[in-house]
Amino acid sequence: MPKLKTNRGAAKRFTKTASGRYKHRQSHRNHILTKKSAKRIRKLRHMQLIDKSDEKALAQLLPYS
């Protein structure tokens, strides 16, 4: 069998946790920040876990993670 290719776009956006779940950075934090409240920007600071229903698809994109 040939080696499987990792989806490089997904590899840059998602990381696997020690428990086997995936985490990602939240969106809406790049530009046009002046109209967003400080509370909203602060809440977007942290990484978030991927939903359970998306984990199977993500595991195929990242076969060796």
N, C-alpha and C. Protein backbone atom coordinates (compact mmCIF):
# COMPACT_ATOMS: atom_id res chain seq x y z
N MET A 1 0.84 -1.19 0.00
CA MET A 1 0.00 0.00 0.00
C MET A 1 0.88 1.25 0.00
N PRO A 2 0.49 2.25 -0.78
CA PRO A 2 1.25 3.50 -0.74
C PRO A 2 0.95 4.28 0.54
N LYS A 3 1.84 5.22 0.83
CA LYS A 3 1.62 6.07 1.99
C LYS A 3 0.44 7.00 1.72
N LEU A 4 -0.29 7.36 2.76
CA LEU A 4 -1.40 8.30 2.62
C LEU A 4 -0.87 9.72 2.72
N LYS A 5 -1.48 10.62 1.95
CA LYS A 5 -1.07 12.02 1.99
C LYS A 5 -1.89 12.78 3.03
N THR A 6 -1.21 13.62 3.79
CA THR A 6 -1.87 14.51 4.74
C THR A 6 -2.37 15.73 4.00
N ASN A 7 -3.58 16.17 4.29
CA ASN A 7 -4.10 17.41 3.73
C ASN A 7 -3.39 18.57 4.42
N ARG A 8 -2.56 19.30 3.66
CA ARG A 8 -1.70 20.31 4.26
C ARG A 8 -2.49 21.50 4.81
N GLY A 9 -3.61 21.83 4.18
CA GLY A 9 -4.45 22.92 4.69
C GLY A 9 -5.01 22.59 6.05
N ALA A 10 -5.46 21.35 6.22
CA ALA A 10 -6.00 20.90 7.50
C ALA A 10 -4.89 20.80 8.55
N ALA A 11 -3.70 20.38 8.14
CA ALA A 11 -2.59 20.22 9.07
C ALA A 11 -2.19 21.56 9.70
N LYS A 12 -2.35 22.65 8.93
CA LYS A 12 -2.00 23.97 9.45
C LYS A 12 -3.07 24.53 10.38
N ARG A 13 -4.29 24.01 10.29
CA ARG A 13 -5.40 24.58 11.04
C ARG A 13 -5.83 23.78 12.27
N PHE A 14 -5.53 22.49 12.30
CA PHE A 14 -6.00 21.63 13.38
C PHE A 14 -4.83 20.90 14.03
N THR A 15 -4.91 20.73 15.35
CA THR A 15 -3.92 19.94 16.08
C THR A 15 -4.65 18.91 16.94
N LYS A 16 -4.01 17.77 17.10
CA LYS A 16 -4.61 16.70 17.87
C LYS A 16 -4.23 16.86 19.34
N THR A 17 -5.19 16.65 20.23
CA THR A 17 -4.93 16.74 21.66
C THR A 17 -4.46 15.39 22.18
N ALA A 18 -4.02 15.36 23.42
CA ALA A 18 -3.54 14.11 24.03
C ALA A 18 -4.65 13.08 24.14
N SER A 19 -5.89 13.54 24.28
CA SER A 19 -7.02 12.61 24.40
C SER A 19 -7.53 12.12 23.05
N GLY A 20 -6.95 12.64 21.95
CA GLY A 20 -7.34 12.17 20.62
C GLY A 20 -8.35 13.05 19.91
N ARG A 21 -8.78 14.14 20.56
CA ARG A 21 -9.70 15.07 19.90
C ARG A 21 -8.89 16.10 19.13
N TYR A 22 -9.58 16.95 18.37
CA TYR A 22 -8.90 17.98 17.58
C TYR A 22 -9.31 19.36 18.06
N LYS A 23 -8.35 20.29 18.05
CA LYS A 23 -8.66 21.66 18.41
C LYS A 23 -8.27 22.60 17.28
N HIS A 24 -8.91 23.77 17.24
CA HIS A 24 -8.66 24.75 16.19
C HIS A 24 -8.79 26.16 16.74
N ARG A 25 -8.22 27.10 16.01
CA ARG A 25 -8.32 28.51 16.37
C ARG A 25 -9.66 29.05 15.91
N GLN A 26 -10.23 29.98 16.66
CA GLN A 26 -11.54 30.52 16.31
C GLN A 26 -11.43 31.58 15.22
N SER A 27 -12.48 31.70 14.45
CA SER A 27 -12.50 32.67 13.34
C SER A 27 -12.94 34.05 13.85
N HIS A 28 -12.95 35.03 12.95
CA HIS A 28 -13.39 36.41 13.21
C HIS A 28 -12.43 37.18 14.11
N ARG A 29 -11.15 36.86 14.08
CA ARG A 29 -10.18 37.53 14.95
C ARG A 29 -9.06 38.17 14.14
N ASN A 30 -9.21 38.27 12.80
CA ASN A 30 -8.13 38.77 11.97
C ASN A 30 -8.19 40.26 11.66
N HIS A 31 -9.32 40.74 11.22
CA HIS A 31 -9.41 42.15 10.83
C HIS A 31 -10.81 42.67 11.12
N ILE A 32 -11.01 43.97 10.92
CA ILE A 32 -12.24 44.68 11.27
C ILE A 32 -12.56 44.43 12.76
N LEU A 33 -11.57 44.66 13.59
CA LEU A 33 -11.72 44.41 15.03
C LEU A 33 -12.27 45.62 15.78
N THR A 34 -12.31 46.80 15.12
CA THR A 34 -12.73 48.01 15.82
C THR A 34 -14.20 47.97 16.19
N LYS A 35 -15.02 47.33 15.37
CA LYS A 35 -16.45 47.30 15.67
C LYS A 35 -16.83 46.14 16.59
N LYS A 36 -15.90 45.26 16.87
CA LYS A 36 -16.17 44.12 17.75
C LYS A 36 -15.82 44.51 19.18
N SER A 37 -16.66 44.12 20.11
CA SER A 37 -16.46 44.50 21.51
C SER A 37 -15.24 43.76 22.09
N ALA A 38 -14.68 44.35 23.13
CA ALA A 38 -13.52 43.74 23.80
C ALA A 38 -13.88 42.38 24.36
N LYS A 39 -15.11 42.24 24.85
CA LYS A 39 -15.56 40.96 25.39
C LYS A 39 -15.59 39.89 24.31
N ARG A 40 -16.08 40.26 23.13
CA ARG A 40 -16.17 39.32 22.02
C ARG A 40 -14.78 38.89 21.55
N ILE A 41 -13.86 39.84 21.42
CA ILE A 41 -12.49 39.55 20.99
C ILE A 41 -11.80 38.66 22.03
N ARG A 42 -12.03 38.96 23.31
CA ARG A 42 -11.42 38.18 24.39
C ARG A 42 -11.88 36.73 24.36
N LYS A 43 -13.17 36.52 24.07
CA LYS A 43 -13.71 35.15 24.03
C LYS A 43 -13.20 34.37 22.82
N LEU A 44 -12.78 35.07 21.77
CA LEU A 44 -12.25 34.41 20.57
C LEU A 44 -10.78 34.03 20.72
N ARG A 45 -10.18 34.40 21.83
CA ARG A 45 -8.75 34.20 22.03
C ARG A 45 -8.37 32.73 22.16
N HIS A 46 -9.24 31.92 22.73
CA HIS A 46 -8.89 30.55 23.09
C HIS A 46 -9.17 29.56 21.96
N MET A 47 -8.45 28.45 21.99
CA MET A 47 -8.68 27.37 21.04
C MET A 47 -9.98 26.66 21.41
N GLN A 48 -10.59 26.03 20.41
CA GLN A 48 -11.86 25.36 20.64
C GLN A 48 -11.78 23.95 20.07
N LEU A 49 -12.52 23.02 20.67
CA LEU A 49 -12.53 21.63 20.21
C LEU A 49 -13.49 21.48 19.03
N ILE A 50 -13.12 20.56 18.12
CA ILE A 50 -13.97 20.22 16.98
C ILE A 50 -15.15 19.40 17.49
N ASP A 51 -16.29 19.56 16.86
CA ASP A 51 -17.47 18.80 17.23
C ASP A 51 -17.24 17.31 16.95
N LYS A 52 -17.85 16.47 17.76
CA LYS A 52 -17.69 15.01 17.61
C LYS A 52 -18.09 14.52 16.22
N SER A 53 -19.12 15.14 15.64
CA SER A 53 -19.61 14.69 14.34
C SER A 53 -18.63 14.96 13.20
N ASP A 54 -17.67 15.88 13.39
CA ASP A 54 -16.69 16.21 12.36
C ASP A 54 -15.36 15.46 12.53
N GLU A 55 -15.20 14.76 13.63
CA GLU A 55 -13.90 14.15 13.92
C GLU A 55 -13.53 13.04 12.94
N LYS A 56 -14.48 12.27 12.47
CA LYS A 56 -14.20 11.18 11.54
C LYS A 56 -13.66 11.73 10.22
N ALA A 57 -14.27 12.78 9.71
CA ALA A 57 -13.82 13.40 8.46
C ALA A 57 -12.43 14.00 8.63
N LEU A 58 -12.18 14.61 9.78
CA LEU A 58 -10.89 15.24 10.03
C LEU A 58 -9.79 14.20 10.19
N ALA A 59 -10.13 13.05 10.74
CA ALA A 59 -9.16 11.97 10.89
C ALA A 59 -8.68 11.46 9.53
N GLN A 60 -9.54 11.52 8.52
CA GLN A 60 -9.14 11.11 7.17
C GLN A 60 -8.22 12.14 6.53
N LEU A 61 -8.42 13.42 6.84
CA LEU A 61 -7.55 14.46 6.30
C LEU A 61 -6.18 14.44 6.96
N LEU A 62 -6.12 13.99 8.21
CA LEU A 62 -4.87 13.97 8.97
C LEU A 62 -4.57 12.53 9.42
N PRO A 63 -4.18 11.65 8.50
CA PRO A 63 -4.04 10.24 8.84
C PRO A 63 -2.92 9.93 9.84
N TYR A 64 -1.89 10.75 9.92
CA TYR A 64 -0.75 10.45 10.79
C TYR A 64 -0.65 11.36 12.00
N SER A 65 -1.69 12.13 12.28
CA SER A 65 -1.60 13.05 13.41
C SER A 65 -1.88 12.33 14.73
